[in-house]
């Protein structure tokens, strides 16, 4: 039971971190549209790179590792 609760908390925190990162990139994309962005990555990709890939990696590792524990 203890592992299920810890796994659930890890999965939910991974999902929340992932969602907040995507929302922050969407908001920052509006700012980049007036400043300028990389043509290679596009507007949203440039904003996501500026926000950082690290939160996405952390959320993926939280989700994957905790999902395995709770099974």
Protein backbone atom coordinates (compact mmCIF):
# COMPACT_ATOMS: atom_id res chain seq x y z
CA UNK A 1 0.00 0.00 0.00
CA UNK A 2 2.88 2.33 0.80
CA UNK A 3 4.35 1.82 -2.68
CA UNK A 4 1.00 2.52 -4.35
CA UNK A 5 0.63 5.85 -2.53
CA UNK A 6 4.23 6.85 -3.32
CA UNK A 7 3.75 5.80 -6.94
CA UNK A 8 0.51 7.75 -7.23
CA UNK A 9 2.10 10.88 -5.81
CA UNK A 10 5.04 10.51 -8.21
CA UNK A 11 2.78 10.03 -11.22
CA UNK A 12 0.57 12.98 -10.32
CA UNK A 13 3.54 15.27 -9.65
CA UNK A 14 5.07 14.25 -13.00
CA UNK A 15 1.84 15.06 -14.81
CA UNK A 16 1.49 18.43 -13.04
CA UNK A 17 5.10 19.41 -13.80
CA UNK A 18 4.65 18.39 -17.44
CA UNK A 19 1.46 20.42 -17.73
CA UNK A 20 2.94 23.52 -16.10
CA UNK A 21 5.93 23.37 -18.42
CA UNK A 22 3.74 23.19 -21.51
CA UNK A 23 1.52 26.04 -20.29
CA UNK A 24 4.59 28.19 -19.55
CA UNK A 25 5.92 27.50 -23.05
CA UNK A 26 2.58 28.43 -24.59
CA UNK A 27 2.50 31.72 -22.70
CA UNK A 28 6.11 32.50 -23.58
CA UNK A 29 5.39 31.69 -27.24
CA UNK A 30 3.14 34.74 -27.35
CA UNK A 31 6.07 36.88 -26.22
CA UNK A 32 8.40 35.27 -28.76
CA UNK A 33 6.03 36.07 -31.60
CA UNK A 34 6.83 39.75 -31.17
CA UNK A 35 10.55 39.28 -30.39
CA UNK A 36 11.41 36.64 -32.97
CA UNK A 37 12.05 32.92 -32.91
CA UNK A 38 14.09 30.21 -34.60
CA UNK A 39 12.79 29.13 -37.97
CA UNK A 40 14.20 25.65 -37.45
CA UNK A 41 12.13 24.87 -34.34
CA UNK A 42 9.16 27.13 -34.95
CA UNK A 43 7.40 29.34 -32.46
CA UNK A 44 6.36 26.74 -29.88
CA UNK A 45 9.57 24.72 -30.16
CA UNK A 46 11.69 27.82 -29.60
CA UNK A 47 9.62 28.72 -26.55
CA UNK A 48 9.95 25.18 -25.19
CA UNK A 49 13.73 25.26 -25.62
CA UNK A 50 13.89 28.68 -23.92
CA UNK A 51 11.79 27.42 -20.99
CA UNK A 52 13.98 24.36 -20.75
CA UNK A 53 13.93 20.71 -21.58
CA UNK A 54 14.99 19.72 -18.03
CA UNK A 55 11.48 19.99 -16.50
CA UNK A 56 10.15 17.72 -19.23
CA UNK A 57 12.87 15.18 -18.55
CA UNK A 58 12.23 15.31 -14.80
CA UNK A 59 8.50 14.84 -15.28
CA UNK A 60 9.06 11.91 -17.64
CA UNK A 61 11.41 10.23 -15.19
CA UNK A 62 8.99 10.78 -12.29
CA UNK A 63 6.12 9.37 -14.30
CA UNK A 64 8.05 6.37 -15.62
CA UNK A 65 9.82 5.43 -12.40
CA UNK A 66 6.78 5.86 -10.15
CA UNK A 67 4.45 4.13 -12.60
CA UNK A 68 6.71 1.06 -12.46
CA UNK A 69 6.75 1.11 -8.64
CA UNK A 70 2.98 1.28 -8.32
CA UNK A 71 2.45 -1.71 -10.61
